[in-house]
Protein backbone atom coordinates (compact mmCIF):
# COMPACT_ATOMS: atom_id res chain seq x y z
CA MET A 1 13.16 115.65 102.06
CA ASN A 2 12.98 118.79 99.40
CA ALA A 3 13.09 122.10 101.36
CA ASP A 4 15.13 125.06 100.36
CA VAL A 5 15.82 126.19 104.04
CA ILE A 6 15.37 123.67 107.34
CA CYS A 7 14.73 124.99 110.26
CA GLY A 8 15.74 123.19 114.07
CA THR A 9 17.45 122.76 117.01
CA CYS A 10 21.61 121.78 116.97
CA VAL A 11 20.71 119.04 118.52
CA GLY A 12 17.82 118.20 116.30
CA ALA A 13 20.10 118.46 113.22
CA GLY A 14 21.47 115.27 114.33
CA ASP A 15 18.30 113.45 113.21
CA PRO A 16 19.22 110.34 111.36
CA ARG A 17 16.98 111.53 108.49
CA LEU A 18 19.78 114.08 108.20
CA ALA A 19 22.67 112.28 108.01
CA LYS A 20 23.24 111.81 104.16
CA MET A 21 22.39 115.29 103.50
CA GLN A 22 24.89 118.10 103.47
CA PHE A 23 24.22 121.97 104.05
CA ARG A 24 25.66 124.92 101.95
CA SER A 25 25.32 127.45 105.16
CA ILE A 26 24.13 126.89 108.40
CA LEU A 27 22.84 129.75 110.74
CA ILE A 28 22.78 129.36 114.68
CA ASP A 29 20.93 131.95 116.41
CA GLU A 30 21.56 132.42 119.76
CA SER A 31 24.48 130.99 119.60
CA THR A 32 26.17 132.09 122.62
CA GLN A 33 23.33 130.27 124.50
CA ALA A 34 24.57 126.63 122.91
CA THR A 35 27.40 124.60 124.21
CA GLU A 36 30.50 123.91 121.98
CA PRO A 37 29.19 120.55 121.20
CA GLU A 38 25.89 121.37 120.33
CA CYS A 39 26.91 123.80 117.47
CA MET A 40 29.32 121.24 116.30
CA VAL A 41 26.07 118.88 115.45
CA PRO A 42 25.01 120.95 112.67
CA VAL A 43 28.13 122.07 111.61
CA VAL A 44 29.39 118.76 110.97
CA LEU A 45 26.54 118.39 108.11
CA GLY A 46 29.21 119.75 105.60
CA ALA A 47 28.61 123.31 105.68
CA LYS A 48 30.92 125.64 103.90
CA GLN A 49 29.74 128.46 105.74
CA LEU A 50 28.80 129.37 109.36
CA ILE A 51 26.73 132.20 110.42
CA LEU A 52 26.45 132.54 114.03
CA VAL A 53 23.99 135.25 115.72
CA GLY A 54 23.96 136.13 119.32
CA ASP A 55 25.41 138.27 121.91
CA HIS A 56 28.10 137.46 124.31
CA CYS A 57 26.89 140.50 126.88
CA GLN A 58 23.44 138.10 127.23
CA LEU A 59 23.27 134.87 129.12
CA GLY A 60 25.87 131.75 127.74
CA PRO A 61 25.17 128.26 127.78
CA VAL A 62 23.73 126.69 130.75
CA VAL A 63 26.41 123.72 132.42
CA MET A 64 25.59 122.46 135.56
CA CYS A 65 28.75 120.61 136.18
CA LYS A 66 31.11 122.97 137.99
CA LYS A 67 33.75 121.13 136.60
CA ALA A 68 33.17 121.31 133.33
CA ALA A 69 32.33 124.92 133.16
CA LYS A 70 35.29 125.62 134.71
CA ALA A 71 37.23 123.24 131.68
CA GLY A 72 35.69 125.48 129.54
CA LEU A 73 32.47 123.98 128.48
CA SER A 74 30.24 127.03 129.48
CA GLN A 75 32.25 129.00 126.85
CA SER A 76 30.27 129.18 123.74
CA LEU A 77 31.60 128.43 119.78
CA PHE A 78 31.25 132.39 119.31
CA GLU A 79 33.45 133.28 122.35
CA ARG A 80 36.20 131.13 121.15
CA LEU A 81 36.12 132.20 117.77
CA VAL A 82 36.60 135.85 118.47
CA VAL A 83 39.07 135.15 120.94
CA LEU A 84 40.91 133.02 117.88
CA GLY A 85 40.58 136.14 115.80
CA ILE A 86 37.72 136.53 113.97
CA ARG A 87 35.91 139.73 113.87
CA PRO A 88 32.23 139.67 114.44
CA ILE A 89 29.82 142.08 113.02
CA ARG A 90 27.78 143.92 115.58
CA LEU A 91 24.42 145.01 115.14
CA GLN A 92 23.84 148.59 116.41
CA VAL A 93 20.85 149.92 116.20
CA GLN A 94 18.10 148.27 118.43
CA TYR A 95 14.46 148.87 117.56
CA ARG A 96 12.74 147.64 121.11
CA MET A 97 13.15 150.13 124.13
CA HIS A 98 12.40 153.49 124.49
CA PRO A 99 15.17 155.53 124.06
CA ALA A 100 15.67 156.24 128.15
CA LEU A 101 15.79 152.38 128.45
CA SER A 102 18.37 151.71 126.18
CA ALA A 103 20.91 154.43 127.47
CA PHE A 104 22.09 152.61 130.70
CA PRO A 105 22.75 148.98 129.01
CA SER A 106 24.45 150.66 125.74
CA ASN A 107 26.68 152.70 127.65
CA ILE A 108 27.64 150.01 130.16
CA PHE A 109 27.72 147.09 128.26
CA TYR A 110 28.29 148.21 124.51
CA GLU A 111 30.78 150.65 125.19
CA GLY A 112 27.75 153.54 124.12
CA SER A 113 27.64 152.13 120.55
CA LEU A 114 23.67 151.42 120.46
CA GLN A 115 21.78 153.44 118.27
CA ASN A 116 17.99 153.81 118.96
CA GLY A 117 15.39 152.92 115.93
CA VAL A 118 12.58 154.13 117.73
CA THR A 119 11.58 157.78 119.12
CA ALA A 120 10.55 158.15 122.52
CA THR A 121 7.47 159.49 120.83
CA ASP A 122 7.14 155.92 118.79
CA ARG A 123 6.93 154.45 122.69
CA ILE A 124 4.60 156.78 124.00
CA ARG A 125 1.42 154.59 124.74
CA LYS A 126 -1.88 156.17 123.77
CA GLY A 127 -4.52 156.04 126.54
CA PHE A 128 -2.41 154.96 129.02
CA ASP A 129 -2.67 157.07 132.38
CA PHE A 130 -0.11 155.60 134.41
CA GLN A 131 2.10 158.23 136.77
CA TRP A 132 6.04 157.76 135.74
CA PRO A 133 7.93 159.88 138.17
CA GLN A 134 9.57 161.54 135.24
CA PRO A 135 7.17 161.87 132.44
CA ASP A 136 9.98 161.81 129.90
CA LYS A 137 11.79 158.50 131.50
CA PRO A 138 9.15 155.70 131.95
CA MET A 139 11.76 154.00 134.39
CA PHE A 140 12.08 153.88 138.09
CA PHE A 141 13.54 152.04 141.32
CA TYR A 142 10.99 151.56 143.65
CA VAL A 143 13.33 151.29 146.89
CA THR A 144 11.67 148.83 149.43
CA GLN A 145 13.29 147.40 152.99
CA GLY A 146 11.73 144.33 153.24
CA GLN A 147 14.20 141.28 153.99
CA GLU A 148 14.49 138.26 152.52
CA GLU A 149 13.95 134.67 153.63
CA ILE A 150 14.90 131.21 152.06
CA ALA A 151 11.92 129.57 150.41
CA SER A 152 10.53 126.74 151.39
CA SER A 153 12.28 124.32 149.17
CA GLY A 154 15.59 125.15 151.23
CA THR A 155 17.50 126.33 147.80
CA SER A 156 15.75 129.17 147.17
CA TYR A 157 14.99 132.57 148.05
CA LEU A 158 11.44 134.82 148.25
CA ASN A 159 10.80 138.35 149.36
CA ARG A 160 7.75 138.78 150.99
CA THR A 161 7.75 142.88 150.77
CA GLU A 162 8.84 143.18 147.53
CA ALA A 163 6.32 140.45 146.53
CA ALA A 164 3.56 142.86 147.59
CA ASN A 165 4.58 146.00 145.93
CA VAL A 166 4.93 144.20 143.07
CA GLU A 167 1.21 143.24 143.16
CA LYS A 168 0.45 147.02 143.34
CA ILE A 169 2.62 148.37 140.73
CA THR A 170 1.10 145.27 138.11
CA THR A 171 -2.77 146.29 139.93
CA ARG A 172 -1.63 149.84 138.88
CA LEU A 173 -0.56 149.51 135.08
CA LEU A 174 -3.66 147.16 134.70
CA LYS A 175 -5.92 149.55 135.62
CA ALA A 176 -4.02 152.66 133.91
CA GLY A 177 -4.72 150.13 130.35
CA ALA A 178 -2.03 147.33 130.38
CA LYS A 179 -3.09 144.54 129.13
CA PRO A 180 -2.16 141.23 131.36
CA ASP A 181 -0.13 139.78 128.51
CA GLN A 182 2.06 142.98 127.97
CA ILE A 183 3.39 142.87 131.42
CA GLY A 184 6.09 140.70 132.32
CA ILE A 185 7.27 139.98 136.02
CA ILE A 186 11.15 138.88 136.31
CA THR A 187 12.61 137.70 139.37
CA PRO A 188 16.15 136.24 139.44
CA TYR A 189 14.87 133.14 142.09
CA GLU A 190 12.35 130.24 141.74
CA GLY A 191 11.15 130.69 145.30
CA GLN A 192 10.12 134.32 144.43
CA ARG A 193 8.84 133.45 141.39
CA SER A 194 6.20 130.67 143.18
CA TYR A 195 5.44 133.00 145.50
CA LEU A 196 4.34 135.72 143.25
CA VAL A 197 1.91 133.18 141.35
CA GLN A 198 -0.13 132.81 144.62
CA TYR A 199 0.16 135.89 146.38
CA MET A 200 -1.44 137.71 143.14
CA GLN A 201 -4.03 135.36 142.75
CA PHE A 202 -4.96 135.45 146.30
CA SER A 203 -4.44 139.05 147.48
CA GLY A 204 -4.62 141.14 144.29
CA SER A 205 -7.75 143.44 143.83
CA LEU A 206 -8.36 142.67 140.69
CA HIS A 207 -10.25 139.37 138.81
CA THR A 208 -7.56 136.58 138.95
CA LYS A 209 -7.63 135.69 135.39
CA LEU A 210 -6.09 139.10 134.91
CA TYR A 211 -3.16 138.06 137.45
CA GLN A 212 -2.73 134.52 136.01
CA GLU A 213 -2.12 135.88 131.99
CA VAL A 214 0.66 138.18 133.61
CA GLU A 215 3.75 136.21 132.97
CA ILE A 216 6.37 135.69 136.17
CA ALA A 217 9.26 134.01 134.72
CA SER A 218 13.14 134.17 135.75
CA VAL A 219 15.72 136.18 133.70
CA ASP A 220 16.77 132.67 131.70
CA ALA A 221 13.39 132.06 130.83
CA PHE A 222 13.24 135.79 129.15
CA GLN A 223 16.09 135.80 127.15
CA GLY A 224 15.06 136.23 123.30
CA ARG A 225 11.41 138.01 124.49
CA GLU A 226 9.91 141.21 125.35
CA LYS A 227 7.45 142.93 126.95
CA ASP A 228 5.73 145.90 126.83
CA PHE A 229 6.55 146.58 130.43
CA ILE A 230 8.82 144.66 133.03
CA ILE A 231 9.01 144.69 136.63
CA LEU A 232 11.82 143.30 138.00
CA SER A 233 11.91 141.88 141.91
CA CYS A 234 15.38 141.94 142.93
CA VAL A 235 14.58 139.64 146.22
CA ARG A 236 17.96 139.51 147.66
CA ALA A 237 18.12 141.86 151.11
CA ASN A 238 20.80 140.77 153.89
CA GLU A 239 23.90 142.40 155.18
CA HIS A 240 26.47 139.65 155.14
CA GLN A 241 25.41 137.57 152.51
CA GLY A 242 25.81 138.76 149.20
CA ILE A 243 23.40 139.69 146.00
CA GLY A 244 23.68 135.80 144.64
CA PHE A 245 22.49 135.57 140.89
CA LEU A 246 22.34 139.60 140.52
CA ASN A 247 25.63 139.50 140.77
CA ASP A 248 25.74 138.06 136.75
CA PRO A 249 26.18 141.11 135.05
CA ARG A 250 24.74 139.40 132.03
CA ARG A 251 21.38 138.30 133.40
CA LEU A 252 20.84 142.40 134.75
CA ASN A 253 21.66 143.13 130.67
CA VAL A 254 18.75 141.06 129.82
CA ALA A 255 16.34 141.90 132.84
CA LEU A 256 16.80 145.65 131.56
CA THR A 257 16.59 144.97 128.33
CA ARG A 258 13.34 143.14 127.44
CA ALA A 259 10.98 146.45 127.92
CA ARG A 260 9.36 148.59 124.86
CA TYR A 261 7.46 151.00 127.10
CA GLY A 262 8.72 150.82 130.42
CA VAL A 263 10.84 149.46 133.29
CA ILE A 264 10.13 149.23 137.14
CA ILE A 265 12.82 147.46 139.56
CA VAL A 266 11.81 146.54 142.94
CA GLY A 267 14.34 146.09 145.54
CA ASN A 268 16.40 147.13 148.36
CA PRO A 269 19.36 149.43 147.49
CA LYS A 270 21.27 149.16 150.56
CA ALA A 271 22.00 145.51 150.20
CA LEU A 272 22.17 146.54 146.08
CA SER A 273 25.01 148.90 146.28
CA LYS A 274 27.39 146.87 147.57
CA GLN A 275 27.98 145.34 143.95
CA PRO A 276 29.80 147.75 141.76
CA LEU A 277 27.25 147.22 138.49
CA TRP A 278 24.17 147.65 140.73
CA ASN A 279 26.03 151.01 142.59
CA HIS A 280 26.42 152.35 138.78
CA LEU A 281 22.70 151.40 138.28
CA LEU A 282 21.28 153.04 141.15
CA ASN A 283 23.19 156.34 141.20
CA TYR A 284 21.90 156.24 137.29
CA TYR A 285 18.79 156.26 138.35
CA LYS A 286 18.93 158.69 141.08
CA GLU A 287 21.01 161.40 139.01
CA GLN A 288 17.64 160.71 136.90
CA ARG A 289 15.61 161.41 139.74
CA VAL A 290 13.62 157.92 139.05
CA LEU A 291 14.84 156.43 142.24
CA VAL A 292 11.63 156.81 144.53
CA GLU A 293 10.02 155.34 147.64
CA GLY A 294 6.84 155.95 149.31
CA PRO A 295 3.25 155.37 148.49
CA LEU A 296 2.68 154.54 145.13
CA ASN A 297 -0.06 157.10 143.90
CA ASN A 298 2.69 159.62 146.04
CA LEU A 299 6.00 158.83 145.03
CA ARG A 300 9.20 161.17 145.93
CA GLU A 301 12.56 161.23 145.37
CA SER A 302 14.30 158.83 147.61
CA LEU A 303 17.32 160.71 149.53
CA MET A 304 19.35 157.67 150.11
CA GLN A 305 23.18 158.33 148.75
CA PHE A 306 25.29 155.60 147.68
CA SER A 307 29.15 155.91 146.97
CA LYS A 308 30.82 157.33 143.96
CA PRO A 309 30.50 154.41 141.24
CA ARG A 310 34.29 152.65 140.57
CA LYS A 311 35.64 151.29 137.48
CA LEU A 312 34.15 147.80 136.57
CA VAL A 313 37.43 146.22 135.58
CA ASN A 314 38.27 142.76 136.00
CA ALA A 315 42.10 141.94 135.82
CA MET A 316 41.36 138.27 135.86
CA ASN A 317 39.23 138.47 132.51
CA PRO A 318 41.35 139.34 129.29
CA GLY A 319 38.85 137.64 127.13
CA ALA A 320 36.42 141.14 127.63
CA ARG A 321 38.71 143.83 126.92
CA PHE A 322 39.27 141.75 123.30
CA MET A 323 35.83 140.85 122.78
CA SER A 324 34.67 144.41 123.07
CA THR A 325 37.57 145.19 120.55
CA ALA A 326 36.54 142.99 117.91
CA MET A 327 33.69 144.23 117.75
CA TYR A 328 32.78 146.78 114.40
CA ASP A 329 30.13 148.48 112.60
CA ALA A 330 28.34 146.31 110.79
CA ARG A 331 27.35 148.58 107.91
CA GLU A 332 30.73 149.83 107.18
CA ALA A 333 31.75 145.90 107.06
CA LEU A 334 29.20 145.91 104.25
CA ILE A 335 30.03 149.28 102.41
CA PRO A 336 32.35 147.69 99.09
CA GLY A 337 35.97 149.72 99.36
CA SER A 338 35.63 151.02 102.85
CA VAL A 339 38.46 150.49 105.72
CA TYR A 340 36.57 147.09 106.64
CA ASP A 341 36.11 145.54 103.40
CA ARG A 342 37.65 142.33 103.78
CA SER A 343 38.44 141.99 99.71
CA THR A 344 41.63 144.55 101.29
CA THR A 345 44.63 144.05 103.52
CA ALA A 346 44.94 147.96 103.96
CA ARG A 347 45.85 149.12 107.44
CA PRO A 348 41.70 149.69 108.73
CA ALA A 349 41.33 153.50 110.20
CA ASN A 350 40.51 154.34 113.91
CA MET A 351 37.94 152.09 115.29
CA TYR A 352 35.83 152.92 118.45
CA PHE A 353 37.94 151.24 120.66
CA GLN A 354 40.98 153.12 119.47
CA THR A 355 39.43 156.65 119.70
CA HIS A 356 38.06 156.17 123.03
CA ASP A 357 39.42 155.38 126.45
CA GLN A 358 38.04 151.91 127.01
CA MET A 359 38.74 151.90 130.43
CA GLY A 360 37.61 154.89 131.37
CA MET A 361 34.61 154.98 133.98
CA ILE A 362 30.83 156.01 132.76
CA GLY A 363 29.28 158.49 134.16
CA ALA A 364 26.11 157.95 135.68
CA GLY A 365 23.90 160.11 132.86
CA PRO A 366 23.58 158.61 129.34
CA ASN A 367 27.11 159.40 127.46
CA PRO A 368 26.98 158.83 123.58
CA LEU A 369 30.99 158.45 124.13
CA ALA A 370 30.91 155.88 127.00
CA GLY A 371 34.40 154.49 127.27
CA LEU A 372 33.45 151.42 129.54
CA ASN A 373 34.53 148.14 128.51
CA PHE A 374 32.51 146.00 131.62
CA PRO A 375 33.90 142.37 131.66
CA ILE A 376 31.73 139.93 130.85
CA PRO A 377 32.75 136.63 132.25
CA PHE A 378 33.44 134.08 129.51
CA ASN A 379 35.60 131.28 131.31
CA LEU A 380 37.56 131.52 128.74
CA VAL A 381 40.42 128.83 128.71
CA MET A 382 42.98 130.16 126.02
CA PRO A 383 44.52 133.87 126.28
CA PRO A 384 43.48 136.66 123.67
CA CYS A 385 45.37 136.20 119.76
CA PRO A 386 47.67 139.31 119.90
CA ARG A 387 47.28 141.96 117.63
CA PRO A 388 49.44 142.57 115.05
CA ALA A 389 51.42 146.00 115.61
CA THR A 390 51.12 147.24 112.42
CA TRP A 391 49.53 146.74 108.99
CA ALA A 392 50.83 146.59 105.53
CA LEU A 393 50.53 145.46 101.73
CA PRO A 394 52.12 142.17 101.08
CA ASP A 395 55.38 143.15 99.66
CA PRO A 396 55.26 142.25 96.10
CA ALA A 397 58.51 141.08 95.63
CA ARG A 398 58.61 138.63 98.39
CA ARG A 399 55.21 136.73 96.66
């Protein structure tokens, strides 16, 4: 075998044909989605340098066994190394989303540190005739009052009212000039996904083939991907049973960050607002005047009121705060002689987390000085390493 670079999956690295080979450097992409045993398969091939790329604020490894997950298998190698004191580099410039779409995820999930590598002008589609409630904000939450029901499988949910509204929105996007493969419909439930596929093909007002080319998938299936337009169908709408998968902040983060040009959420605010994170989102959309209801050709601002957002703090998750404070700017890390130059042992200057209150509450609007550290459930099996009280140069006399 003669190649400078070999590409494959973590498990594929265990192929017998690679058993006698040694790799100086191993790079694992989407490493936060892999379990530790999976990551160790390529690592044991003589690696002298390991590079892990991933986002701990998005979906982690899929572990079906609850006992194994509780024991720590759902914690990725990326997270474990950070907890043990390895300081990761955060890439802080996003080039996908319209700036209006990135504001909420940045403030809530990334302490307001994300910068936009694209402008609003870059994300204006020529010849696209779709009326957003606020022309400068290509997003809205469409209020529905439909109720959830258990799918025929008995293990999932669907919402017929939401499905009908999703079809209408999809049809309007297609008529406005969007191509079918530019639209993605995300739903957290297989029951709703299956129902949407059938409903759109048999009840859509346009040609069936157009709807067949619109991708309808779960949040998990969309991680690492993008579409020009994303429609999120929330499904859950009940009085007492909670919101299920929607309660996972990582799923919401993935769903909100897949679109380049526009995001439309279809759901029941009354049910969703009971959960603190969704309460933040609904208040944000209301302040941005994009919480709407009524016919799609005559949308109006919803008059619904929500309680004041609470601090998103989980005292049972000590790793989240540590994960946040461990991050630092990649550009500073790569500048020789900077405070983050690893060739020096001098005390680093104040970082973002030292100059901004990490436990302060985020307002509903975009805030470049956002101080919220939202806890991502890592299921850590060990406490974070204590931070040193001071940083100092070593004493030459003690060498």
